[in-house]
N, C-alpha and C. Protein backbone atom coordinates (compact mmCIF):
# COMPACT_ATOMS: atom_id res chain seq x y z
N MET A 1 80.82 60.77 -117.86
CA MET A 1 80.51 60.29 -119.40
C MET A 1 81.28 59.75 -120.32
N ARG A 2 81.20 59.37 -121.18
CA ARG A 2 81.97 58.66 -122.45
C ARG A 2 81.34 59.69 -123.39
N LEU A 3 82.93 60.86 -124.16
CA LEU A 3 82.96 61.25 -125.13
C LEU A 3 82.26 60.67 -126.47
N ARG A 4 82.13 61.30 -127.23
CA ARG A 4 80.79 60.51 -128.35
C ARG A 4 81.76 61.21 -130.15
N VAL A 5 82.04 60.89 -130.12
CA VAL A 5 82.76 61.01 -131.78
C VAL A 5 82.35 60.09 -133.16
N HIS A 6 81.47 61.70 -134.02
CA HIS A 6 80.71 61.38 -135.15
C HIS A 6 81.25 62.11 -136.13
N GLY A 7 81.30 61.69 -137.23
CA GLY A 7 81.46 61.93 -139.00
C GLY A 7 82.64 63.49 -138.23
N GLN A 8 82.97 64.46 -139.02
CA GLN A 8 83.76 65.53 -139.06
C GLN A 8 84.67 65.63 -137.41
N ARG A 9 83.83 65.23 -136.90
CA ARG A 9 84.21 64.65 -135.36
C ARG A 9 85.55 63.97 -135.52
N PHE A 10 86.01 63.06 -136.01
CA PHE A 10 87.15 61.33 -136.33
C PHE A 10 87.88 62.58 -136.99
N PHE A 11 87.70 63.94 -137.63
CA PHE A 11 88.52 64.84 -137.21
C PHE A 11 89.31 65.63 -136.51
N ASP A 12 88.91 65.95 -135.64
CA ASP A 12 89.15 66.85 -135.00
C ASP A 12 89.54 65.97 -133.97
N THR A 13 88.94 64.64 -133.54
CA THR A 13 89.80 63.69 -132.44
C THR A 13 91.18 64.27 -132.86
N PHE A 14 91.60 63.00 -134.36
CA PHE A 14 92.88 63.31 -134.31
C PHE A 14 93.49 64.17 -134.94
N SER A 15 93.53 65.32 -134.63
CA SER A 15 94.20 66.87 -134.43
C SER A 15 94.41 67.36 -133.52
N ARG A 16 92.99 66.71 -132.83
CA ARG A 16 93.65 67.00 -130.44
C ARG A 16 94.78 66.07 -130.62
N LEU A 17 94.86 65.02 -131.13
CA LEU A 17 95.70 63.27 -130.38
C LEU A 17 97.10 63.76 -130.52
N ALA A 18 97.24 64.98 -131.90
CA ALA A 18 98.37 65.41 -133.07
C ALA A 18 99.09 66.29 -131.79
N HIS A 19 97.92 67.35 -131.58
CA HIS A 19 98.30 68.00 -130.64
C HIS A 19 99.00 67.86 -129.27
N ILE A 20 98.57 66.85 -129.11
CA ILE A 20 98.58 65.97 -126.70
C ILE A 20 99.83 65.75 -127.83
N VAL A 21 100.20 64.98 -128.82
CA VAL A 21 101.53 64.25 -128.44
C VAL A 21 102.64 65.50 -128.97
N THR A 22 102.48 66.47 -129.33
CA THR A 22 103.34 67.88 -129.65
C THR A 22 103.22 68.51 -127.82
N GLU A 23 102.06 68.60 -126.98
CA GLU A 23 102.53 69.12 -125.95
C GLU A 23 103.14 68.77 -125.23
N CYS A 24 102.80 66.91 -125.21
CA CYS A 24 103.74 65.87 -124.47
C CYS A 24 105.21 66.52 -124.62
N ALA A 25 105.50 65.95 -125.78
CA ALA A 25 106.52 66.68 -126.52
C ALA A 25 107.77 67.86 -126.07
N ARG A 26 106.90 68.65 -125.92
CA ARG A 26 106.96 70.13 -125.44
C ARG A 26 107.70 69.93 -123.90
N LEU A 27 107.14 69.31 -123.04
CA LEU A 27 106.93 69.66 -121.85
C LEU A 27 107.75 68.70 -121.42
N GLN A 28 107.81 67.13 -122.48
CA GLN A 28 109.11 66.42 -121.90
C GLN A 28 110.89 66.94 -121.87
N ALA A 29 110.99 67.96 -122.87
CA ALA A 29 111.76 69.01 -123.09
C ALA A 29 111.99 69.52 -122.14
N ARG A 30 110.56 70.26 -121.54
CA ARG A 30 110.96 70.96 -120.60
C ARG A 30 111.17 70.69 -119.10
N LEU A 31 111.01 69.26 -118.77
CA LEU A 31 110.93 68.72 -117.83
C LEU A 31 112.49 68.36 -118.10
N LEU A 32 113.24 67.93 -118.84
CA LEU A 32 114.92 67.83 -118.68
C LEU A 32 115.42 68.55 -118.50
N ALA A 33 115.08 69.73 -118.85
CA ALA A 33 115.48 71.46 -118.57
C ALA A 33 116.02 71.70 -117.62
N GLU A 34 114.53 71.64 -116.74
CA GLU A 34 114.16 72.14 -115.48
C GLU A 34 113.76 71.12 -114.17
N PRO A 35 115.05 70.45 -113.59
CA PRO A 35 114.35 70.03 -112.86
C PRO A 35 114.18 69.44 -111.22
N ALA A 36 113.97 70.73 -111.03
CA ALA A 36 112.88 71.36 -109.92
C ALA A 36 111.93 71.69 -110.14
N ILE A 37 111.09 71.32 -111.11
CA ILE A 37 109.67 71.10 -111.57
C ILE A 37 109.23 69.97 -112.24
N ARG A 38 109.95 69.19 -112.09
CA ARG A 38 109.76 67.32 -112.71
C ARG A 38 108.17 67.15 -112.35
N GLY A 39 107.79 67.08 -110.95
CA GLY A 39 106.87 66.22 -110.38
C GLY A 39 105.50 67.52 -111.03
N GLU A 40 105.83 68.51 -111.36
CA GLU A 40 104.82 69.07 -111.68
C GLU A 40 104.35 68.72 -113.32
N LEU A 41 105.43 68.31 -113.58
CA LEU A 41 105.10 68.25 -115.17
C LEU A 41 104.79 66.80 -115.60
N VAL A 42 105.78 66.17 -114.96
CA VAL A 42 105.22 64.48 -114.89
C VAL A 42 103.44 64.79 -114.78
N ALA A 43 102.87 65.68 -113.67
CA ALA A 43 101.86 65.49 -114.08
C ALA A 43 100.19 65.75 -114.79
N GLU A 44 101.06 66.68 -115.33
CA GLU A 44 100.59 67.39 -116.65
C GLU A 44 100.07 67.16 -117.78
N VAL A 45 101.81 65.74 -118.07
CA VAL A 45 101.73 65.15 -119.36
C VAL A 45 100.86 63.48 -119.03
N ALA A 46 101.16 63.07 -117.25
CA ALA A 46 99.81 62.65 -117.04
C ALA A 46 98.31 62.90 -117.56
N ALA A 47 98.29 64.29 -117.29
CA ALA A 47 96.97 64.78 -117.67
C ALA A 47 96.11 64.40 -119.16
N LEU A 48 97.70 64.48 -119.72
CA LEU A 48 97.24 64.93 -121.61
C LEU A 48 97.50 63.12 -121.58
N GLU A 49 97.81 62.59 -121.05
CA GLU A 49 97.66 60.74 -121.65
C GLU A 49 96.14 60.71 -121.41
N ARG A 50 95.58 60.42 -120.03
CA ARG A 50 94.36 60.01 -119.79
C ARG A 50 93.47 60.77 -120.90
N GLU A 51 94.05 62.07 -120.89
CA GLU A 51 92.66 62.69 -122.32
C GLU A 51 92.85 61.85 -124.00
N ALA A 52 94.38 61.51 -124.04
CA ALA A 52 94.36 60.76 -125.50
C ALA A 52 93.37 59.29 -125.35
N SER A 53 94.06 59.17 -123.70
CA SER A 53 92.90 57.99 -123.70
C SER A 53 91.56 57.27 -124.05
N GLN A 54 90.99 58.85 -123.24
CA GLN A 54 89.51 59.00 -123.12
C GLN A 54 89.22 58.60 -124.78
N LEU A 55 90.09 59.71 -125.79
CA LEU A 55 89.51 59.89 -126.96
C LEU A 55 89.72 59.19 -127.96
N ARG A 56 90.86 58.60 -127.67
CA ARG A 56 91.06 56.71 -127.99
C ARG A 56 89.58 55.95 -128.36
N GLU A 57 89.38 55.75 -127.03
CA GLU A 57 88.38 55.17 -126.73
C GLU A 57 86.79 55.56 -127.02
N ALA A 58 86.81 56.90 -127.58
CA ALA A 58 85.61 57.56 -127.94
C ALA A 58 85.87 57.14 -129.68
N VAL A 59 86.71 57.28 -130.01
CA VAL A 59 86.77 56.39 -131.71
C VAL A 59 86.46 55.33 -131.90
N VAL A 60 87.05 54.34 -130.85
CA VAL A 60 86.87 52.98 -131.28
C VAL A 60 85.25 52.56 -130.87
N LEU A 61 84.75 53.44 -129.64
CA LEU A 61 83.65 52.56 -129.63
C LEU A 61 82.82 53.30 -130.61
N ASP A 62 82.91 54.46 -131.26
CA ASP A 62 81.54 55.36 -131.76
C ASP A 62 82.11 54.82 -133.52
N ILE A 63 82.93 54.46 -133.72
CA ILE A 63 83.62 54.07 -135.96
C ILE A 63 82.37 53.53 -135.98
N GLU A 64 81.66 52.38 -134.80
CA GLU A 64 80.59 51.77 -135.92
C GLU A 64 79.84 52.18 -135.81
N GLU A 65 79.22 53.37 -135.14
CA GLU A 65 77.84 53.55 -135.22
C GLU A 65 77.84 54.76 -136.47
N VAL A 66 78.76 54.66 -137.29
CA VAL A 66 78.60 55.88 -137.76
C VAL A 66 78.72 54.96 -139.50
N SER A 67 77.80 55.40 -140.95
CA SER A 67 77.51 54.24 -141.65
C SER A 67 79.02 54.83 -142.56
N ILE A 68 79.00 56.00 -142.85
CA ILE A 68 80.24 56.18 -144.01
C ILE A 68 81.13 56.81 -143.04
N PRO A 69 82.51 56.12 -142.71
CA PRO A 69 83.42 56.57 -142.16
C PRO A 69 84.41 58.02 -143.28
N PRO A 70 84.60 58.53 -142.28
CA PRO A 70 85.50 59.45 -142.81
C PRO A 70 86.52 59.04 -144.04
N VAL A 71 86.85 57.99 -143.18
CA VAL A 71 88.59 56.95 -143.71
C VAL A 71 87.74 55.16 -143.86
N ASP A 72 88.56 54.77 -143.96
CA ASP A 72 88.52 53.16 -143.60
C ASP A 72 88.54 53.47 -141.86
N ARG A 73 87.85 52.59 -141.91
CA ARG A 73 87.59 52.04 -140.14
C ARG A 73 88.82 51.55 -139.66
N GLY A 74 89.19 50.65 -140.77
CA GLY A 74 90.71 49.82 -139.99
C GLY A 74 91.96 51.04 -140.28
N ASP A 75 92.05 51.74 -140.85
CA ASP A 75 92.77 53.59 -140.75
C ASP A 75 92.30 54.67 -139.43
N VAL A 76 90.88 54.35 -139.07
CA VAL A 76 90.75 55.40 -138.06
C VAL A 76 91.57 54.83 -136.69
N HIS A 77 91.21 53.39 -136.46
CA HIS A 77 91.46 52.49 -135.74
C HIS A 77 92.86 52.88 -135.66
N ARG A 78 93.45 52.03 -136.21
CA ARG A 78 95.33 52.10 -135.90
C ARG A 78 95.45 53.64 -136.05
N LEU A 79 95.33 55.16 -136.80
CA LEU A 79 95.35 56.04 -136.64
C LEU A 79 95.31 56.30 -134.99
N ALA A 80 94.46 56.59 -134.84
CA ALA A 80 93.63 56.73 -132.63
C ALA A 80 94.35 55.60 -132.17
N SER A 81 95.05 54.56 -132.86
CA SER A 81 95.48 53.66 -131.54
C SER A 81 96.87 54.56 -132.04
N SER A 82 97.92 54.63 -132.89
CA SER A 82 99.14 54.74 -132.96
C SER A 82 99.08 56.40 -132.33
N LEU A 83 98.34 57.07 -132.34
CA LEU A 83 98.83 58.94 -131.69
C LEU A 83 98.20 58.46 -130.56
N GLN A 84 97.84 57.67 -130.04
CA GLN A 84 97.52 57.62 -128.66
C GLN A 84 98.70 56.85 -127.93
N GLY A 85 99.40 56.07 -128.65
CA GLY A 85 100.22 55.06 -128.85
C GLY A 85 101.25 56.22 -128.12
N MET A 86 101.61 56.89 -128.87
CA MET A 86 102.69 58.14 -128.73
C MET A 86 102.88 58.97 -127.53
N VAL A 87 101.63 59.32 -127.44
CA VAL A 87 101.10 59.84 -126.30
C VAL A 87 102.07 58.89 -124.45
N ALA A 88 101.26 57.76 -124.66
CA ALA A 88 101.61 56.57 -123.88
C ALA A 88 102.76 56.88 -123.70
N LEU A 89 103.73 56.58 -124.47
CA LEU A 89 105.20 56.49 -124.80
C LEU A 89 106.22 57.54 -123.99
N LEU A 90 105.26 59.08 -124.66
CA LEU A 90 105.80 60.23 -123.91
C LEU A 90 105.48 59.85 -122.63
N ASP A 91 104.47 59.56 -121.99
CA ASP A 91 104.45 59.68 -120.50
C ASP A 91 105.37 58.78 -119.67
N GLU A 92 105.32 57.58 -120.55
CA GLU A 92 106.43 56.85 -119.58
C GLU A 92 107.49 57.24 -119.72
N ASN A 93 107.69 58.30 -120.58
CA ASN A 93 109.67 57.94 -120.83
C ASN A 93 109.79 59.86 -119.70
N VAL A 94 108.65 60.34 -119.57
CA VAL A 94 108.64 61.09 -118.55
C VAL A 94 108.74 60.92 -116.91
N ARG A 95 107.96 59.56 -116.94
CA ARG A 95 107.24 59.16 -115.85
C ARG A 95 108.79 58.16 -115.34
N GLN A 96 109.88 57.77 -116.53
CA GLN A 96 111.35 57.72 -115.87
C GLN A 96 112.19 58.49 -115.63
N VAL A 97 112.05 59.89 -116.00
CA VAL A 97 113.10 60.29 -115.80
C VAL A 97 113.13 61.05 -114.78
N HIS A 98 111.64 60.59 -114.23
CA HIS A 98 111.43 61.65 -112.86
C HIS A 98 111.83 59.88 -111.25
N THR A 99 111.41 59.05 -112.08
CA THR A 99 111.90 57.55 -111.26
C THR A 99 113.20 57.42 -111.15
N LEU A 100 114.33 57.55 -112.12
CA LEU A 100 115.18 57.82 -112.16
C LEU A 100 116.01 59.20 -110.94
N GLU A 101 115.43 59.81 -110.79
CA GLU A 101 116.18 61.34 -110.20
C GLU A 101 117.47 61.52 -111.17
N LEU A 102 117.17 61.43 -112.22
CA LEU A 102 118.78 62.10 -112.49
C LEU A 102 118.71 63.38 -112.73
N GLY A 103 120.45 64.09 -112.54
CA GLY A 103 120.45 65.69 -112.50
C GLY A 103 120.33 66.14 -113.54
N PRO A 104 121.18 67.46 -113.90
CA PRO A 104 120.89 68.08 -114.55
C PRO A 104 120.83 68.11 -115.70
N SER A 105 120.17 67.99 -116.98
CA SER A 105 120.94 67.06 -118.27
C SER A 105 121.82 67.69 -119.06
N PRO A 106 122.60 66.78 -119.29
CA PRO A 106 123.43 66.84 -120.64
C PRO A 106 123.48 67.63 -121.70
N GLU A 107 124.55 68.64 -122.36
CA GLU A 107 124.00 69.66 -123.10
C GLU A 107 122.99 68.70 -124.85
N ALA A 108 123.85 67.35 -124.79
CA ALA A 108 122.87 66.18 -125.88
C ALA A 108 121.72 65.61 -125.50
N VAL A 109 121.35 66.23 -124.38
CA VAL A 109 119.87 65.66 -123.68
C VAL A 109 118.91 66.55 -124.80
N GLY A 110 119.34 67.94 -124.44
CA GLY A 110 118.33 69.26 -124.34
C GLY A 110 118.07 68.57 -125.73
N ARG A 111 119.27 68.54 -127.05
CA ARG A 111 119.58 69.22 -127.84
C ARG A 111 118.14 67.79 -128.70
N LEU A 112 118.57 66.40 -128.25
CA LEU A 112 117.79 65.12 -128.99
C LEU A 112 116.27 65.27 -128.55
N ALA A 113 115.85 66.18 -127.45
CA ALA A 113 114.14 66.13 -126.58
C ALA A 113 113.57 67.56 -127.38
N ASP A 114 114.45 68.63 -128.47
CA ASP A 114 114.34 69.04 -129.56
C ASP A 114 113.60 68.59 -130.39
N VAL A 115 115.14 68.02 -130.97
CA VAL A 115 114.58 67.22 -132.48
C VAL A 115 113.12 66.57 -132.30
N LEU A 116 112.65 65.86 -130.95
CA LEU A 116 111.32 65.04 -130.55
C LEU A 116 110.36 66.37 -130.71
N VAL A 117 110.67 67.35 -130.02
CA VAL A 117 109.27 68.84 -130.36
C VAL A 117 109.58 68.94 -131.49
N ARG A 118 110.34 69.30 -132.70
CA ARG A 118 110.57 69.72 -133.83
C ARG A 118 109.66 68.29 -134.98
N ALA A 119 110.30 67.03 -134.42
CA ALA A 119 109.37 65.85 -134.79
C ALA A 119 107.42 66.00 -134.11
N ALA A 120 107.80 65.71 -133.63
CA ALA A 120 106.17 65.86 -133.14
C ALA A 120 105.44 66.75 -133.88
N ARG A 121 105.83 68.16 -134.43
CA ARG A 121 105.31 68.96 -135.26
C ARG A 121 104.88 68.79 -136.30
N ARG A 122 105.89 68.00 -137.05
CA ARG A 122 106.09 67.76 -138.38
C ARG A 122 104.65 66.77 -138.60
N LEU A 123 104.58 65.64 -137.72
CA LEU A 123 103.13 64.95 -137.39
C LEU A 123 102.41 65.20 -137.29
N GLU A 124 101.52 66.38 -136.35
CA GLU A 124 100.84 66.95 -136.17
C GLU A 124 101.01 67.12 -138.05
N ILE A 125 101.50 68.41 -138.28
CA ILE A 125 101.74 69.12 -139.86
C ILE A 125 100.54 68.45 -140.74
N THR A 126 101.23 67.06 -140.67
CA THR A 126 100.71 66.33 -141.51
C THR A 126 99.44 65.23 -141.22
N VAL A 127 99.06 65.45 -139.93
CA VAL A 127 97.26 64.81 -139.13
C VAL A 127 96.99 66.22 -139.82
N ALA A 128 96.88 67.59 -140.44
CA ALA A 128 96.24 68.70 -140.38
C ALA A 128 96.34 68.20 -141.83
N LEU A 129 97.57 67.49 -142.74
CA LEU A 129 96.31 67.49 -143.97
C LEU A 129 95.42 66.15 -144.05
N LEU A 130 95.76 65.15 -143.40
CA LEU A 130 94.61 64.99 -143.29
C LEU A 130 93.33 65.30 -142.50
N VAL A 131 93.23 65.70 -142.18
CA VAL A 131 92.04 66.93 -141.81
C VAL A 131 91.18 67.40 -143.18
N GLU A 132 92.35 67.94 -143.96
CA GLU A 132 91.89 69.21 -144.47
C GLU A 132 91.94 68.19 -146.08
N ARG A 133 91.80 67.22 -146.27
CA ARG A 133 92.12 66.31 -147.48
C ARG A 133 92.95 66.40 -148.17
N ASP A 134 94.57 67.26 -147.38
CA ASP A 134 95.26 67.46 -148.69
C ASP A 134 96.37 66.15 -148.72
N THR A 135 97.16 66.35 -149.89
CA THR A 135 98.36 65.27 -149.96
C THR A 135 98.80 66.26 -149.22
N PRO A 136 100.35 65.30 -148.61
CA PRO A 136 101.60 66.01 -148.16
C PRO A 136 102.30 65.84 -149.80
N GLY A 137 103.36 66.68 -149.72
CA GLY A 137 104.76 66.80 -150.69
C GLY A 137 105.59 66.03 -150.05
N ALA A 138 106.53 65.76 -150.61
CA ALA A 138 107.64 65.05 -150.52
C ALA A 138 108.32 65.48 -149.34
N GLY A 139 108.27 65.83 -149.62
CA GLY A 139 109.65 67.21 -148.01
C GLY A 139 108.71 66.93 -146.67
N ALA A 140 108.40 66.48 -146.94
CA ALA A 140 107.09 65.84 -145.29
C ALA A 140 108.06 64.76 -145.10
N ALA A 141 107.94 63.99 -145.52
CA ALA A 141 108.92 62.59 -145.43
C ALA A 141 110.10 62.64 -145.20
N ASP A 142 110.95 63.55 -146.05
CA ASP A 142 112.55 64.31 -145.84
C ASP A 142 112.60 64.93 -144.75
N GLU A 143 111.64 65.68 -144.36
CA GLU A 143 111.57 66.68 -143.00
C GLU A 143 112.30 65.11 -141.85
N MET A 144 110.90 64.51 -142.17
CA MET A 144 111.23 63.69 -140.83
C MET A 144 112.19 62.45 -141.28
N GLU A 145 112.79 62.18 -142.14
CA GLU A 145 113.62 61.37 -142.15
C GLU A 145 114.89 62.10 -141.84
N ARG A 146 115.41 63.86 -142.06
CA ARG A 146 116.63 64.47 -141.91
C ARG A 146 116.30 64.98 -139.86
N LEU A 147 115.02 64.41 -139.78
CA LEU A 147 115.15 64.55 -137.82
C LEU A 147 115.39 63.02 -137.20
N GLY A 148 114.66 61.81 -138.06
CA GLY A 148 115.62 61.11 -137.78
C GLY A 148 117.06 60.61 -137.81
N GLU A 149 117.48 61.15 -138.80
CA GLU A 149 119.07 60.92 -138.52
C GLU A 149 120.24 62.30 -137.99
N GLU A 150 118.92 63.13 -137.36
CA GLU A 150 119.74 63.52 -136.33
C GLU A 150 119.87 63.37 -135.31
N ALA A 151 118.65 63.29 -134.73
CA ALA A 151 118.45 62.17 -133.55
C ALA A 151 118.96 61.40 -133.35
N ASP A 152 119.46 60.45 -134.66
CA ASP A 152 120.79 59.36 -134.13
C ASP A 152 122.21 59.58 -133.73
N ALA A 153 122.00 60.55 -134.83
CA ALA A 153 123.77 61.36 -134.62
C ALA A 153 123.46 61.86 -133.10
N ILE A 154 122.60 62.70 -132.78
CA ILE A 154 123.00 63.09 -131.60
C ILE A 154 123.38 61.58 -129.92
N SER A 155 122.29 61.10 -130.18
CA SER A 155 122.60 59.57 -129.62
C SER A 155 123.82 58.48 -129.19
N ASP A 156 124.09 58.46 -130.39
CA ASP A 156 125.13 57.74 -130.95
C ASP A 156 126.32 58.58 -130.17
N ALA A 157 126.37 59.76 -130.51
CA ALA A 157 128.18 60.19 -129.42
C ALA A 157 127.53 60.78 -128.67
N ALA A 158 126.37 60.78 -127.96
CA ALA A 158 126.25 60.84 -126.37
C ALA A 158 126.40 59.69 -125.43
N VAL A 159 126.14 58.68 -126.11
CA VAL A 159 126.12 57.68 -125.68
C VAL A 159 127.90 56.73 -125.54
N GLU A 160 128.52 57.30 -126.55
CA GLU A 160 129.77 56.44 -126.97
C GLU A 160 130.63 57.64 -125.70
N ALA A 161 130.18 59.42 -125.85
CA ALA A 161 131.27 59.93 -124.75
C ALA A 161 130.58 59.64 -122.81
N LEU A 162 129.51 59.12 -123.06
CA LEU A 162 128.83 58.45 -121.75
C LEU A 162 130.21 57.13 -121.32
N PHE A 163 130.76 56.76 -122.06
CA PHE A 163 131.68 55.40 -121.50
C PHE A 163 132.91 55.92 -121.84
N ALA A 164 133.35 57.40 -122.42
CA ALA A 164 134.23 57.46 -122.49
C ALA A 164 135.03 57.35 -121.17
N GLY A 165 136.74 57.72 -120.65
CA GLY A 165 136.82 57.90 -119.78
C GLY A 165 136.71 56.52 -118.86
N SER A 166 136.84 56.57 -117.03
CA SER A 166 136.12 56.51 -115.97
C SER A 166 134.78 57.28 -115.34
N PRO A 167 133.92 56.38 -116.49
CA PRO A 167 132.58 57.10 -115.70
C PRO A 167 131.94 56.50 -114.44
N ASP A 168 131.08 57.31 -113.87
CA ASP A 168 130.24 56.35 -112.88
C ASP A 168 129.40 55.17 -113.56
N PRO A 169 130.14 54.04 -113.69
CA PRO A 169 128.80 52.69 -114.65
C PRO A 169 127.37 53.23 -113.94
N LEU A 170 126.44 53.25 -113.04
CA LEU A 170 125.32 53.50 -112.14
C LEU A 170 125.28 54.70 -113.14
N GLU A 171 125.52 55.67 -113.05
CA GLU A 171 124.97 56.88 -113.63
C GLU A 171 124.78 57.02 -115.24
N ALA A 172 125.97 56.18 -115.37
CA ALA A 172 125.99 56.55 -117.28
C ALA A 172 125.22 55.18 -117.63
N GLU A 173 124.44 53.94 -116.75
CA GLU A 173 123.51 53.31 -117.41
C GLU A 173 122.15 54.28 -117.67
N LYS A 174 122.43 55.15 -116.46
CA LYS A 174 120.88 55.80 -116.49
C LYS A 174 120.69 56.51 -118.07
N TRP A 175 121.69 57.83 -117.64
CA TRP A 175 121.35 58.21 -118.93
C TRP A 175 121.39 57.22 -120.34
N LYS A 176 121.87 56.04 -120.60
CA LYS A 176 121.53 55.45 -122.06
C LYS A 176 120.74 54.67 -121.90
N ASP A 177 119.86 54.84 -120.50
CA ASP A 177 118.70 54.40 -120.94
C ASP A 177 117.63 55.53 -121.28
N LEU A 178 118.13 56.55 -120.89
CA LEU A 178 117.11 57.82 -121.46
C LEU A 178 117.92 57.98 -122.38
N TYR A 179 119.07 58.06 -123.05
CA TYR A 179 118.88 58.60 -125.03
C TYR A 179 118.19 57.01 -125.00
N ASP A 180 118.38 56.14 -124.29
CA ASP A 180 117.64 55.04 -125.36
C ASP A 180 115.86 55.07 -125.74
N ALA A 181 115.11 55.40 -124.89
CA ALA A 181 114.17 55.78 -124.51
C ALA A 181 113.72 56.91 -125.06
N LEU A 182 114.51 57.89 -125.93
CA LEU A 182 114.49 59.21 -126.26
C LEU A 182 114.33 58.88 -127.53
N THR A 183 115.49 58.20 -127.94
CA THR A 183 115.44 57.00 -129.40
C THR A 183 113.76 56.26 -129.89
N ALA A 184 113.85 55.82 -129.10
CA ALA A 184 112.73 54.77 -129.43
C ALA A 184 111.67 56.14 -129.51
N ALA A 185 111.04 56.79 -128.84
CA ALA A 185 110.24 57.83 -128.75
C ALA A 185 110.40 58.44 -130.61
N MET A 186 111.45 59.18 -130.77
CA MET A 186 111.79 59.51 -132.61
C MET A 186 111.50 57.94 -133.24
N GLN A 187 111.59 56.68 -132.93
CA GLN A 187 111.36 56.23 -133.64
C GLN A 187 109.84 55.74 -133.96
N GLY A 188 108.93 56.06 -132.90
CA GLY A 188 107.41 56.10 -132.90
C GLY A 188 107.03 57.16 -133.66
N LEU A 189 107.59 58.43 -133.66
CA LEU A 189 106.90 59.34 -134.00
C LEU A 189 107.22 59.43 -135.82
N ARG A 190 108.43 58.87 -136.29
CA ARG A 190 108.32 58.51 -137.50
C ARG A 190 107.74 57.54 -138.48
N GLN A 191 106.89 56.55 -137.59
CA GLN A 191 106.67 55.72 -137.75
C GLN A 191 105.17 55.93 -137.41
N THR A 192 104.50 56.50 -137.10
CA THR A 192 103.32 56.98 -137.05
C THR A 192 102.91 58.22 -138.09
N GLU A 193 104.00 59.19 -138.21
CA GLU A 193 103.89 60.15 -139.35
C GLU A 193 104.06 58.90 -140.78
N ARG A 194 104.47 58.14 -141.34
CA ARG A 194 104.66 57.97 -142.27
C ARG A 194 103.47 57.03 -142.56
N MET A 195 102.48 56.55 -141.12
CA MET A 195 101.19 55.76 -141.39
C MET A 195 100.32 56.84 -141.66
N VAL A 196 100.04 58.09 -141.12
CA VAL A 196 99.25 59.13 -141.55
C VAL A 196 99.23 59.81 -142.67
N ARG A 197 100.46 59.88 -143.18
CA ARG A 197 101.22 59.85 -144.56
C ARG A 197 100.54 58.93 -145.16
N ASN A 198 100.31 57.95 -145.54
CA ASN A 198 99.69 56.71 -146.41
C ASN A 198 98.54 56.65 -146.18
N VAL A 199 97.75 57.09 -145.32
CA VAL A 199 96.19 57.58 -145.06
C VAL A 199 95.73 58.39 -146.17
N VAL A 200 96.93 59.51 -145.64
CA VAL A 200 96.17 61.02 -146.83
C VAL A 200 96.65 60.79 -148.12
N ARG A 201 97.58 59.89 -148.95
CA ARG A 201 97.36 59.57 -150.33
C ARG A 201 95.81 58.52 -150.74
């Protein structure tokens, strides 16, 4: 049966979607740190991605049935789609790790994954402000910007180290692909958080 979303429940849906983003980021970090249970963690993320897809579908279908939406109808579509898109991107990342059959992760991978978890939490906090009809301070944007810069610095240094000396070309390319995927996820989190802040204002 299709989920139904009406009135205040739009905000509940946004909150749940944002929480799913954070949960997927946490599972991604754990997956990179614990190769032995990657299959189990991939399945957990896939289940969350299915839930996020159902929630987005419910919002898109039901927004037209609400005479006075809680925020602009276009913003409802964009927010639901962006949050679900982040879940889909993280789901794609963990599937990629599983498919590439990578060995134990370098220390930089763990650090980068941790930055993504913190960025996802920052996004979730900003969505909570939307739900509470509150306005984020300048610190929210500054924090996400700092996290983005931290992620870029980690990724740039790690990729440079990958190709130093005489590395195995195939292994180096696999890890570079992962760094690129993690960096793309960070960019997605920044863009989504910026969108939410624009709606809150």
